[in-house]
């Protein structure tokens, strides 16, 4: 038989939240939200990049004497030669890769900022604050 032990009420430290502390908490929340948005954007760009790679691979399997190939630009399709289409795919892939790199750099900068804010906020508030993301 196990005996359950009850602890008395745990005293929560009386920590004064200053305006500066609240600004840091708000900054942490805004940047966490922004980082999530950027990560979603990175994933979307990576999917588009994979689609371009798949299209490029499919294009290479075509015969060299294939007539014009439709390439979507905005809402319309424009027909180009196989070589032109391949060049357009490569240019689009390069642009997307640069976009992904830029977004990943921004995510890294935000992670650095969040790390610094965590150190400052946990130093002041200890266990009275939870800055960990909910894994749901």
N, C-alpha and C. Protein backbone atom coordinates (compact mmCIF):
# COMPACT_ATOMS: atom_id res chain seq x y z
N UNK A 1 0.85 -1.18 0.00
CA UNK A 1 0.00 0.00 0.00
C UNK A 1 0.89 1.24 0.00
N UNK A 2 0.56 2.16 -0.91
CA UNK A 2 1.35 3.40 -0.99
C UNK A 2 0.66 4.50 -0.21
N UNK A 3 1.43 5.22 0.48
CA UNK A 3 0.88 6.35 1.22
C UNK A 3 1.09 7.61 0.39
N UNK A 4 0.04 8.35 0.20
CA UNK A 4 0.13 9.60 -0.53
C UNK A 4 0.51 10.69 0.45
N UNK A 5 1.49 11.47 0.06
CA UNK A 5 1.88 12.57 0.94
C UNK A 5 1.43 13.87 0.31
N UNK A 6 0.91 14.69 1.12
CA UNK A 6 0.44 16.00 0.64
C UNK A 6 1.43 17.06 1.10
N UNK A 7 1.84 17.84 0.20
CA UNK A 7 2.69 18.98 0.56
C UNK A 7 1.77 20.15 0.85
N UNK A 8 2.22 20.97 1.69
CA UNK A 8 1.46 22.19 1.95
C UNK A 8 1.51 23.08 0.73
N UNK A 9 0.74 24.14 0.71
CA UNK A 9 0.78 25.03 -0.45
C UNK A 9 2.20 25.54 -0.68
N UNK A 10 2.60 25.48 -1.94
CA UNK A 10 3.94 25.92 -2.29
C UNK A 10 3.90 27.43 -2.48
N UNK A 11 4.75 28.10 -1.80
CA UNK A 11 4.77 29.56 -1.89
C UNK A 11 5.41 29.98 -3.21
N UNK A 12 4.71 30.79 -3.93
CA UNK A 12 5.24 31.32 -5.17
C UNK A 12 5.96 32.60 -4.83
N UNK A 13 7.17 32.71 -5.30
CA UNK A 13 7.94 33.92 -5.02
C UNK A 13 7.16 35.14 -5.50
N UNK A 14 7.21 36.15 -4.72
CA UNK A 14 6.56 37.39 -5.10
C UNK A 14 7.55 38.19 -5.94
N UNK A 15 7.42 38.04 -7.27
CA UNK A 15 8.35 38.71 -8.17
C UNK A 15 7.63 39.88 -8.82
N UNK A 16 8.23 41.03 -8.72
CA UNK A 16 7.63 42.22 -9.30
C UNK A 16 7.92 42.27 -10.80
N UNK A 17 6.87 42.33 -11.62
CA UNK A 17 7.03 42.41 -13.08
C UNK A 17 7.08 43.88 -13.46
N UNK A 18 8.24 44.30 -13.92
CA UNK A 18 8.40 45.70 -14.32
C UNK A 18 7.93 45.89 -15.77
N UNK A 19 7.81 47.13 -16.16
CA UNK A 19 7.44 47.45 -17.54
C UNK A 19 8.47 46.85 -18.50
N UNK A 20 9.75 46.94 -18.15
CA UNK A 20 10.82 46.39 -18.98
C UNK A 20 10.67 44.86 -19.11
N UNK A 21 10.32 44.20 -18.01
CA UNK A 21 10.10 42.75 -18.05
C UNK A 21 8.95 42.41 -18.99
N UNK A 22 7.87 43.18 -18.89
CA UNK A 22 6.70 42.94 -19.74
C UNK A 22 7.06 43.14 -21.21
N UNK A 23 7.90 44.14 -21.48
CA UNK A 23 8.34 44.38 -22.86
C UNK A 23 9.13 43.17 -23.38
N UNK A 24 9.98 42.60 -22.52
CA UNK A 24 10.76 41.43 -22.92
C UNK A 24 9.85 40.23 -23.18
N UNK A 25 8.85 40.04 -22.33
CA UNK A 25 7.90 38.94 -22.49
C UNK A 25 7.13 39.11 -23.81
N UNK A 26 6.69 40.34 -24.06
CA UNK A 26 5.96 40.62 -25.31
C UNK A 26 6.85 40.39 -26.54
N UNK A 27 8.10 40.83 -26.44
CA UNK A 27 9.06 40.65 -27.54
C UNK A 27 9.29 39.16 -27.78
N UNK A 28 9.39 38.39 -26.70
CA UNK A 28 9.57 36.95 -26.81
C UNK A 28 8.37 36.33 -27.54
N UNK A 29 7.17 36.71 -27.15
CA UNK A 29 5.95 36.15 -27.75
C UNK A 29 5.85 36.53 -29.24
N UNK A 30 6.12 37.80 -29.56
CA UNK A 30 6.05 38.24 -30.96
C UNK A 30 7.05 37.49 -31.82
N UNK A 31 8.26 37.34 -31.32
CA UNK A 31 9.30 36.68 -32.10
C UNK A 31 9.07 35.18 -32.21
N UNK A 32 8.49 34.57 -31.20
CA UNK A 32 8.13 33.15 -31.28
C UNK A 32 7.09 32.95 -32.38
N UNK A 33 6.11 33.83 -32.41
CA UNK A 33 5.07 33.76 -33.43
C UNK A 33 5.66 33.98 -34.82
N UNK A 34 6.53 34.96 -34.94
CA UNK A 34 7.17 35.27 -36.24
C UNK A 34 8.02 34.10 -36.71
N UNK A 35 8.73 33.47 -35.77
CA UNK A 35 9.57 32.34 -36.13
C UNK A 35 8.72 31.19 -36.67
N UNK A 36 7.57 30.96 -36.07
CA UNK A 36 6.67 29.91 -36.55
C UNK A 36 6.20 30.23 -37.96
N UNK A 37 5.85 31.48 -38.22
CA UNK A 37 5.43 31.89 -39.56
C UNK A 37 6.55 31.67 -40.57
N UNK A 38 7.77 32.06 -40.20
CA UNK A 38 8.91 31.90 -41.10
C UNK A 38 9.19 30.43 -41.38
N UNK A 39 9.09 29.59 -40.36
CA UNK A 39 9.32 28.15 -40.56
C UNK A 39 8.28 27.57 -41.51
N UNK A 40 7.03 28.02 -41.39
CA UNK A 40 5.98 27.55 -42.30
C UNK A 40 6.27 28.01 -43.73
N UNK A 41 6.77 29.23 -43.85
CA UNK A 41 7.13 29.77 -45.16
C UNK A 41 8.28 28.98 -45.79
N UNK A 42 9.26 28.61 -44.96
CA UNK A 42 10.39 27.80 -45.43
C UNK A 42 9.87 26.46 -45.95
N UNK A 43 8.98 25.83 -45.20
CA UNK A 43 8.44 24.53 -45.63
C UNK A 43 7.68 24.66 -46.95
N UNK A 44 6.91 25.73 -47.11
CA UNK A 44 6.17 25.94 -48.36
C UNK A 44 7.13 26.13 -49.53
N UNK A 45 8.19 26.91 -49.31
CA UNK A 45 9.17 27.13 -50.38
C UNK A 45 9.92 25.84 -50.72
N UNK A 46 10.20 25.03 -49.71
CA UNK A 46 10.88 23.75 -49.96
C UNK A 46 9.98 22.81 -50.77
N UNK A 47 8.67 22.85 -50.52
CA UNK A 47 7.75 22.03 -51.31
C UNK A 47 7.73 22.51 -52.76
N UNK A 48 7.71 23.83 -52.95
CA UNK A 48 7.74 24.39 -54.30
C UNK A 48 9.05 24.03 -54.99
N UNK A 49 10.13 24.05 -54.25
CA UNK A 49 11.44 23.69 -54.78
C UNK A 49 11.45 22.23 -55.23
N UNK A 50 10.84 21.36 -54.44
CA UNK A 50 10.76 19.95 -54.80
C UNK A 50 9.90 19.77 -56.06
N UNK A 51 8.83 20.53 -56.16
CA UNK A 51 7.98 20.46 -57.35
C UNK A 51 8.76 20.88 -58.60
N UNK A 52 9.56 21.94 -58.47
CA UNK A 52 10.38 22.39 -59.60
C UNK A 52 11.41 21.32 -59.98
N UNK A 53 12.00 20.69 -58.96
CA UNK A 53 12.99 19.64 -59.23
C UNK A 53 12.32 18.46 -59.94
N UNK A 54 11.12 18.10 -59.49
CA UNK A 54 10.38 17.00 -60.14
C UNK A 54 10.07 17.35 -61.60
N UNK A 55 9.66 18.59 -61.82
CA UNK A 55 9.36 19.03 -63.19
C UNK A 55 10.62 18.99 -64.05
N UNK A 56 11.73 19.42 -63.47
CA UNK A 56 13.00 19.41 -64.19
C UNK A 56 13.42 17.98 -64.54
N UNK A 57 13.25 17.07 -63.58
CA UNK A 57 13.58 15.66 -63.83
C UNK A 57 12.69 15.08 -64.93
N UNK A 58 11.40 15.39 -64.88
CA UNK A 58 10.47 14.90 -65.90
C UNK A 58 10.84 15.46 -67.28
N UNK A 59 11.25 16.69 -67.31
CA UNK A 59 11.61 17.35 -68.56
C UNK A 59 12.82 16.68 -69.21
N UNK A 60 13.75 16.24 -68.40
CA UNK A 60 14.95 15.58 -68.92
C UNK A 60 14.63 14.23 -69.57
N UNK A 61 13.52 13.65 -69.18
CA UNK A 61 13.14 12.34 -69.72
C UNK A 61 12.46 12.44 -71.08
N UNK A 62 12.09 13.66 -71.48
CA UNK A 62 11.41 13.83 -72.76
C UNK A 62 12.41 13.70 -73.91
N UNK A 63 11.89 13.36 -75.06
CA UNK A 63 12.72 13.32 -76.27
C UNK A 63 13.16 14.73 -76.62
N UNK A 64 14.31 14.83 -77.23
CA UNK A 64 14.81 16.16 -77.63
C UNK A 64 13.94 16.81 -78.69
N UNK A 65 13.20 16.01 -79.44
CA UNK A 65 12.37 16.57 -80.50
C UNK A 65 10.95 16.89 -80.03
N UNK A 66 10.76 16.97 -78.70
CA UNK A 66 9.45 17.31 -78.17
C UNK A 66 9.12 18.73 -78.58
N UNK A 67 7.88 18.94 -79.05
CA UNK A 67 7.50 20.31 -79.42
C UNK A 67 7.49 21.22 -78.18
N UNK A 68 6.95 22.37 -78.34
CA UNK A 68 6.95 23.36 -77.26
C UNK A 68 6.31 22.82 -75.97
N UNK A 69 6.87 23.25 -74.85
CA UNK A 69 6.42 22.80 -73.54
C UNK A 69 5.77 23.97 -72.82
N UNK A 70 4.55 23.77 -72.29
CA UNK A 70 3.88 24.86 -71.56
C UNK A 70 4.55 25.09 -70.21
N UNK A 71 4.76 26.37 -69.88
CA UNK A 71 5.37 26.76 -68.61
C UNK A 71 4.46 27.81 -68.00
N UNK A 72 4.02 27.58 -66.75
CA UNK A 72 3.09 28.51 -66.12
C UNK A 72 3.81 29.74 -65.60
N UNK A 73 3.30 30.88 -66.03
CA UNK A 73 3.78 32.17 -65.55
C UNK A 73 2.55 32.91 -65.05
N UNK A 74 2.42 33.03 -63.73
CA UNK A 74 1.22 33.63 -63.16
C UNK A 74 0.04 32.71 -63.39
N UNK A 75 -0.98 33.23 -64.06
CA UNK A 75 -2.20 32.45 -64.32
C UNK A 75 -2.25 31.88 -65.74
N UNK A 76 -1.21 32.11 -66.52
CA UNK A 76 -1.24 31.64 -67.91
C UNK A 76 -0.07 30.70 -68.17
N UNK A 77 -0.23 29.90 -69.21
CA UNK A 77 0.84 29.01 -69.65
C UNK A 77 1.43 29.56 -70.94
N UNK A 78 2.76 29.63 -70.99
CA UNK A 78 3.47 30.10 -72.17
C UNK A 78 4.32 28.94 -72.65
N UNK A 79 4.27 28.66 -73.94
CA UNK A 79 5.03 27.54 -74.48
C UNK A 79 6.45 27.96 -74.85
N UNK A 80 7.39 27.11 -74.48
CA UNK A 80 8.81 27.34 -74.75
C UNK A 80 9.43 26.04 -75.22
N UNK A 81 10.63 26.16 -75.77
CA UNK A 81 11.36 24.96 -76.16
C UNK A 81 11.80 24.24 -74.88
N UNK A 82 12.22 23.00 -75.04
CA UNK A 82 12.65 22.22 -73.89
C UNK A 82 13.84 22.90 -73.19
N UNK A 83 14.77 23.40 -73.99
CA UNK A 83 15.95 24.05 -73.42
C UNK A 83 15.57 25.32 -72.65
N UNK A 84 14.68 26.13 -73.24
CA UNK A 84 14.24 27.36 -72.57
C UNK A 84 13.50 27.04 -71.27
N UNK A 85 12.67 26.02 -71.34
CA UNK A 85 11.90 25.63 -70.15
C UNK A 85 12.84 25.16 -69.05
N UNK A 86 13.86 24.38 -69.42
CA UNK A 86 14.83 23.90 -68.45
C UNK A 86 15.56 25.08 -67.79
N UNK A 87 15.93 26.06 -68.61
CA UNK A 87 16.61 27.25 -68.09
C UNK A 87 15.70 28.02 -67.13
N UNK A 88 14.42 28.12 -67.47
CA UNK A 88 13.47 28.83 -66.61
C UNK A 88 13.29 28.08 -65.29
N UNK A 89 13.24 26.75 -65.35
CA UNK A 89 13.12 25.97 -64.13
C UNK A 89 14.34 26.17 -63.23
N UNK A 90 15.53 26.16 -63.84
CA UNK A 90 16.76 26.35 -63.06
C UNK A 90 16.78 27.73 -62.41
N UNK A 91 16.36 28.75 -63.15
CA UNK A 91 16.33 30.11 -62.60
C UNK A 91 15.34 30.19 -61.44
N UNK A 92 14.17 29.56 -61.60
CA UNK A 92 13.15 29.56 -60.55
C UNK A 92 13.67 28.82 -59.31
N UNK A 93 14.37 27.71 -59.53
CA UNK A 93 14.92 26.95 -58.40
C UNK A 93 15.96 27.79 -57.65
N UNK A 94 16.82 28.48 -58.40
CA UNK A 94 17.85 29.31 -57.77
C UNK A 94 17.22 30.42 -56.93
N UNK A 95 16.18 31.05 -57.48
CA UNK A 95 15.49 32.11 -56.74
C UNK A 95 14.88 31.56 -55.46
N UNK A 96 14.24 30.40 -55.55
CA UNK A 96 13.64 29.79 -54.37
C UNK A 96 14.69 29.40 -53.34
N UNK A 97 15.80 28.85 -53.80
CA UNK A 97 16.87 28.46 -52.88
C UNK A 97 17.40 29.67 -52.12
N UNK A 98 17.55 30.80 -52.82
CA UNK A 98 18.00 32.03 -52.16
C UNK A 98 16.96 32.50 -51.14
N UNK A 99 15.68 32.36 -51.50
CA UNK A 99 14.60 32.74 -50.58
C UNK A 99 14.62 31.88 -49.33
N UNK A 100 14.82 30.58 -49.50
CA UNK A 100 14.88 29.66 -48.36
C UNK A 100 16.07 30.03 -47.47
N UNK A 101 17.21 30.29 -48.08
CA UNK A 101 18.42 30.65 -47.31
C UNK A 101 18.17 31.93 -46.50
N UNK A 102 17.55 32.92 -47.13
CA UNK A 102 17.24 34.16 -46.42
C UNK A 102 16.30 33.95 -45.25
N UNK A 103 15.28 33.12 -45.45
CA UNK A 103 14.33 32.84 -44.37
C UNK A 103 15.01 32.07 -43.24
N UNK A 104 15.85 31.10 -43.60
CA UNK A 104 16.55 30.32 -42.58
C UNK A 104 17.50 31.20 -41.78
N UNK A 105 18.12 32.19 -42.43
CA UNK A 105 18.98 33.13 -41.71
C UNK A 105 18.16 33.95 -40.71
N UNK A 106 16.97 34.36 -41.13
CA UNK A 106 16.10 35.13 -40.23
C UNK A 106 15.66 34.28 -39.05
N UNK A 107 15.34 33.00 -39.30
CA UNK A 107 14.95 32.09 -38.21
C UNK A 107 16.11 31.96 -37.23
N UNK A 108 17.33 31.81 -37.73
CA UNK A 108 18.51 31.68 -36.86
C UNK A 108 18.68 32.93 -35.99
N UNK A 109 18.49 34.10 -36.58
CA UNK A 109 18.63 35.35 -35.83
C UNK A 109 17.56 35.42 -34.73
N UNK A 110 16.35 35.00 -35.04
CA UNK A 110 15.28 35.02 -34.04
C UNK A 110 15.58 34.01 -32.93
N UNK A 111 16.08 32.83 -33.30
CA UNK A 111 16.45 31.84 -32.28
C UNK A 111 17.49 32.39 -31.32
N UNK A 112 18.45 33.12 -31.85
CA UNK A 112 19.48 33.75 -31.01
C UNK A 112 18.84 34.75 -30.05
N UNK A 113 17.96 35.59 -30.58
CA UNK A 113 17.27 36.58 -29.76
C UNK A 113 16.44 35.91 -28.68
N UNK A 114 15.70 34.86 -29.06
CA UNK A 114 14.86 34.15 -28.09
C UNK A 114 15.71 33.51 -27.00
N UNK A 115 16.86 32.97 -27.38
CA UNK A 115 17.77 32.38 -26.40
C UNK A 115 18.23 33.42 -25.38
N UNK A 116 18.59 34.61 -25.88
CA UNK A 116 19.02 35.69 -24.98
C UNK A 116 17.89 36.12 -24.05
N UNK A 117 16.68 36.25 -24.60
CA UNK A 117 15.53 36.65 -23.78
C UNK A 117 15.20 35.59 -22.74
N UNK A 118 15.30 34.31 -23.12
CA UNK A 118 15.04 33.23 -22.16
C UNK A 118 15.98 33.32 -20.98
N UNK A 119 17.26 33.52 -21.26
CA UNK A 119 18.25 33.63 -20.18
C UNK A 119 17.87 34.76 -19.23
N UNK A 120 17.54 35.91 -19.78
CA UNK A 120 17.19 37.07 -18.96
C UNK A 120 15.92 36.83 -18.14
N UNK A 121 14.89 36.28 -18.80
CA UNK A 121 13.60 36.10 -18.12
C UNK A 121 13.65 34.98 -17.09
N UNK A 122 14.32 33.87 -17.42
CA UNK A 122 14.43 32.79 -16.44
C UNK A 122 15.30 33.22 -15.27
N UNK A 123 16.31 34.07 -15.51
CA UNK A 123 17.16 34.56 -14.43
C UNK A 123 16.33 35.35 -13.42
N UNK A 124 15.37 36.09 -13.91
CA UNK A 124 14.55 36.91 -13.00
C UNK A 124 13.38 36.13 -12.41
N UNK A 125 12.69 35.34 -13.27
CA UNK A 125 11.44 34.72 -12.83
C UNK A 125 11.56 33.24 -12.47
N UNK A 126 12.65 32.60 -12.82
CA UNK A 126 12.84 31.18 -12.48
C UNK A 126 11.68 30.33 -12.97
N UNK A 127 11.13 29.52 -12.06
CA UNK A 127 10.04 28.61 -12.42
C UNK A 127 8.68 29.30 -12.52
N UNK A 128 8.63 30.58 -12.24
CA UNK A 128 7.36 31.30 -12.32
C UNK A 128 6.97 31.69 -13.73
N UNK A 129 7.82 31.35 -14.69
CA UNK A 129 7.52 31.67 -16.08
C UNK A 129 7.84 30.45 -16.93
N UNK A 130 7.01 30.22 -17.95
CA UNK A 130 7.23 29.10 -18.85
C UNK A 130 7.39 29.64 -20.26
N UNK A 131 8.57 29.50 -20.80
CA UNK A 131 8.86 30.02 -22.14
C UNK A 131 9.05 28.89 -23.15
N UNK A 132 8.69 27.68 -22.77
CA UNK A 132 8.85 26.54 -23.66
C UNK A 132 7.62 26.41 -24.55
N UNK A 133 7.84 26.03 -25.81
CA UNK A 133 6.74 25.86 -26.76
C UNK A 133 5.91 24.65 -26.37
N UNK A 134 4.61 24.77 -26.54
CA UNK A 134 3.72 23.62 -26.33
C UNK A 134 3.89 22.67 -27.48
N UNK A 135 4.21 21.42 -27.19
CA UNK A 135 4.35 20.40 -28.22
C UNK A 135 3.01 19.68 -28.33
N UNK A 136 2.14 20.16 -29.23
CA UNK A 136 0.84 19.50 -29.36
C UNK A 136 0.62 18.97 -30.73
